[in-house]
Amino acid sequence: MKKPTLSVIIPMRDNVPQVWIEALSKVEGNVEFILVYPPEVPLLSNNDPRIRQIVSALRGEVIQRITALLNASGTYVLSINCDEYLYPKIEEVVLAYFQRFPNSYLFKLRQKFYPYGNQEKLLEDWETFTNLENITVRKGDDHHLKTIETLQEIPICPLDNEFNLLCLIKDRKDHHGPHQENFDKKVWKNSLVQEQLNDIVKQFTLLGPFKYVPFWCSDRLLGLAMQANLYSKGIAKKGDIIGHILPFPEQFRTENNPPEFRYNTTNRRYILAECLLLKVYPQYGYFWNLVIASLKNLVRVKSGKDKLAKLIPFSNQS
């Protein structure tokens, strides 16, 4: 097909139902889908030429998502998961948004959650999302407006906040506010994403042939790196509005994970990915505060497990 309007990139896992990829193929328009599987996971059956299926050399959310992004050729790119269902007319939404806000860098989709196994609800007809050009914009001080009915502004993360030594002994607060750290569930301008990927991928080389790719945390890693790129090039400054959150009706639906895939998030070791931000952008105090806070949380989790082991000496520790 011609150059896609939108590339949707999706890291896959084991046991994704066939009905999911069938629903994906019902998305209309000039949209490509890039599915990246872990090694030794069978591909789902598919006859939609817009769906490309790739097997990653390694298993891991970071390497699978970045592999997909490196293969994305659309004007815009969206990262979702393999338990999520997209609004069939998402291309129309993307074009309408950037026609109204050509200087934006991203917009966030509105999400609705469903319990695991509720396929009937997930596959129900979608409520039409229209008239984006006429929806009211809710600015930060417009507290009288409802966020679910308006286009809510997204300011850039305040990355140039100073390093706060109190983060060593107290919880950090500089991340509070209406800004967005994460990359997923947002439609980004792909030209900016591809530019930023080069800097991130270079950090995976430790020495010569030795590489390090963290397993988790591409979401926050990429979202903050994208915004740091805007900062460092002088494209955006503190307080600038870089995008919007769409109102309802929802533009994608999320099915909760089955019990066997409900990972313990405290074991994801986010700091192993966040340190890459410091390697690329050591000038931003926000990143130093983030890494210190993640390190403290890691120590707290380990300490909590040790205390639990003392209380329950015969428990099975994994």
Protein backbone atom coordinates (compact mmCIF):
# COMPACT_ATOMS: atom_id res chain seq x y z
CA MET A 1 0.00 0.00 0.00
CA LYS A 2 0.99 3.64 -0.19
CA LYS A 3 2.74 5.30 2.73
CA PRO A 4 0.54 4.56 5.77
CA THR A 5 -1.16 7.37 7.62
CA LEU A 6 -0.69 5.50 10.89
CA SER A 7 1.62 2.71 12.05
CA VAL A 8 0.27 0.73 15.02
CA ILE A 9 3.05 -1.18 16.77
CA ILE A 10 2.25 -4.06 19.12
CA PRO A 11 4.55 -6.30 21.24
CA MET A 12 3.01 -9.77 21.30
CA ARG A 13 2.97 -12.47 23.98
CA ASP A 14 1.90 -16.09 24.28
CA ASN A 15 -1.73 -17.20 23.96
CA VAL A 16 -3.25 -14.14 22.24
CA PRO A 17 -6.67 -15.26 20.94
CA GLN A 18 -7.34 -15.42 17.20
CA VAL A 19 -10.39 -13.18 17.64
CA TRP A 20 -8.05 -10.32 18.59
CA ILE A 21 -6.22 -10.21 15.24
CA GLU A 22 -9.53 -10.60 13.43
CA ALA A 23 -10.80 -7.49 15.23
CA LEU A 24 -7.56 -5.70 14.33
CA SER A 25 -8.16 -6.31 10.63
CA LYS A 26 -11.52 -4.51 10.92
CA VAL A 27 -9.74 -1.20 11.47
CA GLU A 28 -10.36 0.82 8.33
CA GLY A 29 -8.13 2.85 6.07
CA ASN A 30 -4.46 3.34 5.33
CA VAL A 31 -3.19 1.88 8.61
CA GLU A 32 -0.34 -0.62 9.03
CA PHE A 33 0.09 -2.96 12.00
CA ILE A 34 3.49 -4.25 13.11
CA LEU A 35 3.29 -7.20 15.49
CA VAL A 36 6.56 -8.32 17.10
CA TYR A 37 6.56 -11.76 18.76
CA PRO A 38 8.97 -13.22 21.29
CA PRO A 39 11.05 -16.16 20.05
CA GLU A 40 9.24 -19.51 19.68
CA VAL A 41 5.73 -18.05 19.92
CA PRO A 42 3.56 -19.13 16.95
CA LEU A 43 2.19 -16.39 14.71
CA LEU A 44 -1.55 -15.83 14.53
CA SER A 45 -3.33 -16.67 11.28
CA ASN A 46 -3.82 -13.58 9.15
CA ASN A 47 -4.61 -12.63 5.54
CA ASP A 48 -4.64 -8.84 5.92
CA PRO A 49 -1.65 -7.42 3.96
CA ARG A 50 -1.55 -4.41 6.30
CA ILE A 51 -0.54 -6.66 9.22
CA ARG A 52 3.19 -7.43 9.38
CA GLN A 53 4.34 -10.09 11.83
CA ILE A 54 7.97 -10.16 13.00
CA VAL A 55 9.77 -12.50 15.40
CA SER A 56 12.17 -10.71 17.74
CA ALA A 57 15.63 -12.09 18.44
CA LEU A 58 14.96 -11.67 22.18
CA ARG A 59 11.97 -11.75 24.47
CA GLY A 60 11.22 -8.48 26.24
CA GLU A 61 8.85 -5.55 26.10
CA VAL A 62 11.61 -3.04 25.29
CA ILE A 63 13.27 -4.94 22.43
CA GLN A 64 9.92 -6.01 20.92
CA ARG A 65 8.46 -2.51 20.98
CA ILE A 66 11.60 -0.83 19.65
CA THR A 67 11.91 -3.45 16.88
CA ALA A 68 8.36 -2.59 15.86
CA LEU A 69 9.05 1.16 15.95
CA LEU A 70 12.16 0.78 13.79
CA ASN A 71 9.95 -0.88 11.15
CA ALA A 72 7.15 1.71 11.33
CA SER A 73 6.75 3.68 8.10
CA GLY A 74 3.58 5.70 8.79
CA THR A 75 3.35 9.47 9.10
CA TYR A 76 2.13 8.91 12.66
CA VAL A 77 2.75 6.04 15.09
CA LEU A 78 0.77 4.52 17.95
CA SER A 79 1.94 1.91 20.48
CA ILE A 80 -0.64 -0.42 22.05
CA ASN A 81 -0.71 -3.93 23.57
CA CYS A 82 -2.06 -7.25 22.34
CA ASP A 83 -5.02 -7.12 24.73
CA GLU A 84 -6.36 -3.86 23.28
CA TYR A 85 -8.91 -3.16 20.56
CA LEU A 86 -8.82 -0.06 18.35
CA TYR A 87 -11.65 2.15 17.17
CA PRO A 88 -12.21 1.08 13.53
CA LYS A 89 -12.13 4.66 12.22
CA ILE A 90 -8.94 5.65 14.06
CA GLU A 91 -7.36 6.98 10.85
CA GLU A 92 -10.13 9.58 10.57
CA VAL A 93 -9.48 10.66 14.16
CA VAL A 94 -5.73 11.02 13.52
CA LEU A 95 -6.24 13.14 10.39
CA ALA A 96 -8.89 15.32 12.05
CA TYR A 97 -6.72 15.95 15.11
CA PHE A 98 -3.58 17.01 13.26
CA GLN A 99 -5.60 19.11 10.85
CA ARG A 100 -6.89 21.10 13.82
CA PHE A 101 -3.59 21.06 15.74
CA PRO A 102 -0.80 20.86 13.13
CA ASN A 103 1.81 22.08 15.65
CA SER A 104 1.06 19.35 18.20
CA TYR A 105 3.47 16.46 18.63
CA LEU A 106 1.03 13.91 20.05
CA PHE A 107 -2.44 13.20 21.31
CA LYS A 108 -3.64 10.61 23.82
CA LEU A 109 -6.47 8.20 23.11
CA ARG A 110 -9.30 7.73 25.57
CA GLN A 111 -9.32 4.24 27.07
CA LYS A 112 -12.05 1.96 28.44
CA PHE A 113 -11.30 -1.20 30.49
CA TYR A 114 -13.06 -4.55 30.37
CA PRO A 115 -12.67 -7.63 32.60
CA TYR A 116 -10.73 -10.57 31.21
CA GLY A 117 -12.80 -12.96 29.09
CA ASN A 118 -15.62 -10.51 28.31
CA GLN A 119 -15.25 -10.86 24.53
CA GLU A 120 -18.84 -9.91 23.76
CA LYS A 121 -18.46 -6.47 25.31
CA LEU A 122 -15.04 -5.91 23.74
CA LEU A 123 -16.45 -6.63 20.27
CA GLU A 124 -19.61 -4.56 20.61
CA ASP A 125 -20.25 -1.82 18.06
CA TRP A 126 -18.33 1.37 18.71
CA GLU A 127 -19.98 4.69 19.43
CA THR A 128 -19.02 7.08 16.66
CA PHE A 129 -16.38 9.68 17.54
CA THR A 130 -17.09 12.83 15.50
CA ASN A 131 -16.82 16.64 15.37
CA LEU A 132 -13.30 16.76 16.79
CA GLU A 133 -12.86 20.16 15.16
CA ASN A 134 -15.61 21.59 17.40
CA ILE A 135 -14.71 20.05 20.77
CA THR A 136 -13.82 22.59 23.46
CA VAL A 137 -10.20 22.73 24.63
CA ARG A 138 -9.80 22.49 28.40
CA LYS A 139 -6.85 24.53 29.61
CA GLY A 140 -5.13 23.86 32.91
CA ASP A 141 -7.15 26.45 34.84
CA ASP A 142 -10.54 25.59 33.30
CA HIS A 143 -11.69 23.63 36.33
CA HIS A 144 -15.38 24.17 35.51
CA LEU A 145 -15.06 22.05 32.34
CA LYS A 146 -15.31 18.26 32.46
CA THR A 147 -12.18 16.44 31.25
CA ILE A 148 -14.18 13.57 29.76
CA GLU A 149 -16.04 15.97 27.42
CA THR A 150 -13.17 18.23 26.34
CA LEU A 151 -9.75 18.17 24.70
CA GLN A 152 -7.48 18.37 27.72
CA GLU A 153 -4.12 20.07 27.18
CA ILE A 154 -0.89 18.13 27.76
CA PRO A 155 2.05 20.33 28.85
CA ILE A 156 5.59 19.11 28.32
CA CYS A 157 7.22 17.40 31.32
CA PRO A 158 9.22 19.91 33.43
CA LEU A 159 12.50 18.13 32.69
CA ASP A 160 14.63 21.13 33.60
CA ASN A 161 13.56 20.93 37.24
CA GLU A 162 16.65 21.03 39.42
CA PHE A 163 18.06 17.93 41.07
CA ASN A 164 16.59 17.82 44.56
CA LEU A 165 18.86 16.34 47.24
CA LEU A 166 15.80 15.73 49.40
CA CYS A 167 14.87 12.91 47.01
CA LEU A 168 17.52 10.91 48.84
CA ILE A 169 15.40 10.89 52.02
CA LYS A 170 11.89 11.95 50.93
CA ASP A 171 9.47 11.06 48.15
CA ARG A 172 9.87 13.21 45.04
CA LYS A 173 7.12 15.60 44.01
CA ASP A 174 8.47 17.22 40.84
CA HIS A 175 6.64 14.64 38.70
CA HIS A 176 3.22 15.76 39.95
CA GLY A 177 1.05 17.70 37.51
CA PRO A 178 -0.92 17.36 34.26
CA HIS A 179 2.07 16.37 32.08
CA GLN A 180 2.41 12.86 30.65
CA GLU A 181 5.52 10.70 31.05
CA ASN A 182 4.50 7.65 29.03
CA PHE A 183 4.73 6.89 25.31
CA ASP A 184 1.99 4.28 24.84
CA LYS A 185 -1.68 4.99 24.02
CA LYS A 186 -0.63 8.18 22.26
CA VAL A 187 -0.35 9.01 18.56
CA TRP A 188 3.03 10.66 17.84
CA LYS A 189 4.57 12.25 14.78
CA ASN A 190 6.73 9.41 13.52
CA SER A 191 9.53 11.58 12.14
CA LEU A 192 10.31 12.69 15.71
CA VAL A 193 10.11 9.12 17.00
CA GLN A 194 12.56 7.77 14.41
CA GLU A 195 15.01 10.55 15.21
CA GLN A 196 14.88 9.76 18.92
CA LEU A 197 15.21 6.00 18.42
CA ASN A 198 18.72 6.44 17.05
CA ASP A 199 19.90 7.95 20.33
CA ILE A 200 18.17 5.28 22.44
CA VAL A 201 19.41 2.28 20.45
CA LYS A 202 23.01 3.52 20.63
CA GLN A 203 22.84 3.22 24.42
CA PHE A 204 22.30 -0.53 24.19
CA THR A 205 25.97 -1.01 23.26
CA LEU A 206 28.10 -1.42 26.36
CA LEU A 207 31.44 -2.29 24.80
CA GLY A 208 32.08 -3.68 21.32
CA PRO A 209 29.82 -6.72 20.83
CA PHE A 210 28.43 -6.57 24.38
CA LYS A 211 24.87 -5.21 24.55
CA TYR A 212 22.39 -4.42 27.28
CA VAL A 213 18.67 -4.20 26.55
CA PRO A 214 16.36 -3.78 29.58
CA PHE A 215 13.34 -6.07 29.66
CA TRP A 216 10.74 -3.56 30.88
CA CYS A 217 9.90 0.16 30.77
CA SER A 218 9.96 1.21 27.10
CA ASP A 219 6.77 3.17 27.87
CA ARG A 220 8.30 5.73 30.22
CA LEU A 221 11.75 5.52 28.64
CA LEU A 222 10.47 6.51 25.18
CA GLY A 223 7.90 9.03 26.41
CA LEU A 224 10.43 11.00 28.44
CA ALA A 225 13.16 10.66 25.81
CA MET A 226 10.83 12.12 23.18
CA GLN A 227 10.16 15.14 25.36
CA ALA A 228 13.83 15.54 26.26
CA ASN A 229 14.59 15.66 22.54
CA LEU A 230 12.13 18.55 22.13
CA TYR A 231 13.79 20.32 25.07
CA SER A 232 17.37 19.79 23.98
CA LYS A 233 16.74 21.08 20.45
CA GLY A 234 14.90 24.16 21.71
CA ILE A 235 11.71 23.04 19.94
CA ALA A 236 9.71 23.24 23.18
CA LYS A 237 10.29 24.81 26.57
CA LYS A 238 8.87 24.42 30.05
CA GLY A 239 5.13 25.10 30.11
CA ASP A 240 4.56 24.54 26.38
CA ILE A 241 1.51 22.52 25.33
CA ILE A 242 2.63 19.57 23.20
CA GLY A 243 -0.69 17.76 22.69
CA HIS A 244 -4.14 16.88 24.03
CA ILE A 245 -6.13 14.05 25.63
CA LEU A 246 -9.22 13.15 23.62
CA PRO A 247 -12.65 12.98 25.27
CA PHE A 248 -15.05 10.01 25.26
CA PRO A 249 -16.45 7.97 23.55
CA GLU A 250 -13.35 5.76 23.85
CA GLN A 251 -10.97 5.19 20.94
CA PHE A 252 -9.58 1.91 22.26
CA ARG A 253 -10.64 -0.83 24.64
CA THR A 254 -8.39 -2.77 26.99
CA GLU A 255 -9.03 -6.28 28.23
CA ASN A 256 -7.49 -6.99 31.61
CA ASN A 257 -4.75 -9.63 31.50
CA PRO A 258 -5.55 -13.25 32.34
CA PRO A 259 -4.34 -14.34 35.81
CA GLU A 260 -1.19 -16.00 34.45
CA PHE A 261 -0.07 -12.71 32.85
CA ARG A 262 -0.66 -10.38 35.77
CA TYR A 263 2.97 -9.58 36.38
CA ASN A 264 4.11 -8.20 39.69
CA THR A 265 5.07 -4.65 38.69
CA THR A 266 7.42 -4.31 41.66
CA ASN A 267 9.71 -6.86 40.00
CA ARG A 268 10.09 -4.99 36.72
CA ARG A 269 13.21 -3.07 37.78
CA TYR A 270 12.23 0.14 35.98
CA ILE A 271 15.49 1.78 36.99
CA LEU A 272 17.41 -0.45 34.54
CA ALA A 273 15.75 1.39 31.66
CA GLU A 274 15.59 4.82 33.28
CA CYS A 275 19.37 4.94 33.66
CA LEU A 276 19.52 5.11 29.86
CA LEU A 277 17.82 8.51 30.08
CA LEU A 278 20.68 9.77 32.23
CA LYS A 279 23.22 8.50 29.70
CA VAL A 280 21.58 10.50 26.90
CA TYR A 281 20.34 13.53 28.85
CA PRO A 282 22.39 13.99 32.05
CA GLN A 283 21.59 17.71 32.07
CA TYR A 284 18.00 17.26 33.30
CA GLY A 285 17.40 17.18 37.05
CA TYR A 286 14.02 15.52 36.49
CA PHE A 287 15.82 12.35 35.35
CA TRP A 288 18.18 12.33 38.33
CA ASN A 289 15.21 12.64 40.68
CA LEU A 290 13.41 9.86 38.79
CA VAL A 291 16.33 7.42 38.99
CA ILE A 292 16.95 8.09 42.67
CA ALA A 293 13.25 7.57 43.43
CA SER A 294 13.22 4.29 41.46
CA LEU A 295 16.34 3.09 43.27
CA LYS A 296 14.75 3.87 46.64
CA ASN A 297 11.58 2.00 45.64
CA LEU A 298 13.68 -1.00 44.61
CA VAL A 299 15.41 -1.02 48.00
CA ARG A 300 12.04 -0.73 49.77
CA VAL A 301 10.64 -3.68 47.84
CA LYS A 302 13.67 -5.85 48.61
CA SER A 303 13.55 -4.82 52.27
CA GLY A 304 9.82 -5.61 52.41
CA LYS A 305 10.40 -9.09 50.98
CA ASP A 306 13.15 -9.75 53.52
CA LYS A 307 10.81 -8.79 56.36
CA LEU A 308 8.08 -11.01 54.94
CA ALA A 309 10.53 -13.93 54.74
CA LYS A 310 11.34 -13.50 58.44
CA LEU A 311 7.66 -13.46 59.35
CA ILE A 312 6.89 -16.49 57.14
CA PRO A 313 10.16 -18.49 57.15
CA PHE A 314 8.78 -21.40 55.15
CA SER A 315 7.25 -19.36 52.34
CA ASN A 316 8.31 -20.18 48.80
CA GLN A 317 10.45 -17.25 47.59
CA SER A 318 10.71 -16.90 43.79
